[in-house]
């Protein structure tokens, strides 16, 4: 595992969301991303704030998908 700052995409209430520049552990072999407890807590806090209308998601103008 390697500690890195990553952009974390996730789905929230049917919308694609992206948390930029969060600390994570990334597997050097498969690339799987795991959040350490502090980062996991930040994500949970953000979702709670969104649910209570104390935070808003920024609208994205375009999404581009590329072939692997």
Protein backbone atom coordinates (compact mmCIF):
# COMPACT_ATOMS: atom_id res chain seq x y z
CA UNK A 1 0.00 0.00 0.00
CA UNK A 2 1.13 3.50 -0.80
CA UNK A 3 -0.21 6.67 0.83
CA UNK A 4 -1.35 9.16 -1.80
CA UNK A 5 -3.70 12.08 -2.31
CA UNK A 6 -6.37 11.04 -4.80
CA UNK A 7 -9.57 12.23 -6.41
CA UNK A 8 -12.36 9.99 -5.12
CA UNK A 9 -15.43 9.50 -7.35
CA UNK A 10 -18.61 8.16 -5.78
CA UNK A 11 -22.35 8.10 -6.40
CA UNK A 12 -24.65 10.11 -4.13
CA UNK A 13 -28.44 10.00 -4.54
CA UNK A 14 -28.11 9.05 -8.20
CA UNK A 15 -25.51 11.75 -8.96
CA UNK A 16 -21.84 11.23 -9.67
CA UNK A 17 -19.72 13.15 -7.15
CA UNK A 18 -15.99 13.71 -6.86
CA UNK A 19 -13.99 14.52 -3.74
CA UNK A 20 -10.70 16.05 -4.82
CA UNK A 21 -7.33 15.61 -3.17
CA UNK A 22 -8.18 13.29 -0.26
CA UNK A 23 -5.66 11.09 1.58
CA UNK A 24 -5.95 7.41 0.69
CA UNK A 25 -4.03 4.14 0.67
CA UNK A 26 -3.61 2.76 -2.86
CA UNK A 27 -2.62 -0.84 -3.58
CA UNK A 28 0.53 -0.90 -5.72
CA UNK A 29 -0.54 -4.17 -7.37
CA UNK A 30 -4.19 -3.63 -8.28
CA UNK A 31 -4.75 0.11 -7.80
CA UNK A 32 -7.62 -0.39 -5.34
CA UNK A 33 -8.15 2.66 -3.10
CA UNK A 34 -8.82 2.40 0.63
CA UNK A 35 -9.61 5.33 2.90
CA UNK A 36 -7.84 5.58 6.24
CA UNK A 37 -10.14 6.31 9.22
CA UNK A 38 -9.59 10.09 9.11
CA UNK A 39 -10.47 10.36 5.39
CA UNK A 40 -13.41 8.00 5.82
CA UNK A 41 -14.69 10.25 8.61
CA UNK A 42 -14.35 13.32 6.36
CA UNK A 43 -16.44 11.64 3.65
CA UNK A 44 -19.12 10.59 6.16
CA UNK A 45 -19.19 14.14 7.56
CA UNK A 46 -19.60 15.56 4.05
CA UNK A 47 -22.50 13.21 3.29
CA UNK A 48 -24.18 14.16 6.59
CA UNK A 49 -23.80 17.86 5.69
CA UNK A 50 -25.28 17.23 2.23
CA UNK A 51 -28.23 15.37 3.78
CA UNK A 52 -28.87 18.28 6.18
CA UNK A 53 -28.56 20.87 3.37
CA UNK A 54 -25.46 22.42 4.98
CA UNK A 55 -23.32 21.73 1.92
CA UNK A 56 -23.98 21.71 -1.81
CA UNK A 57 -22.52 19.81 -4.71
CA UNK A 58 -21.00 21.90 -7.48
CA UNK A 59 -22.64 21.30 -10.85
CA UNK A 60 -20.46 19.77 -13.54
CA UNK A 61 -20.97 20.98 -17.10
CA UNK A 62 -19.66 17.89 -18.89
CA UNK A 63 -18.67 14.29 -18.23
CA UNK A 64 -16.40 12.52 -20.70
CA UNK A 65 -15.96 8.76 -20.69
CA UNK A 66 -12.99 7.18 -22.38
CA UNK A 67 -12.34 3.60 -23.38
CA UNK A 68 -9.80 1.73 -21.29
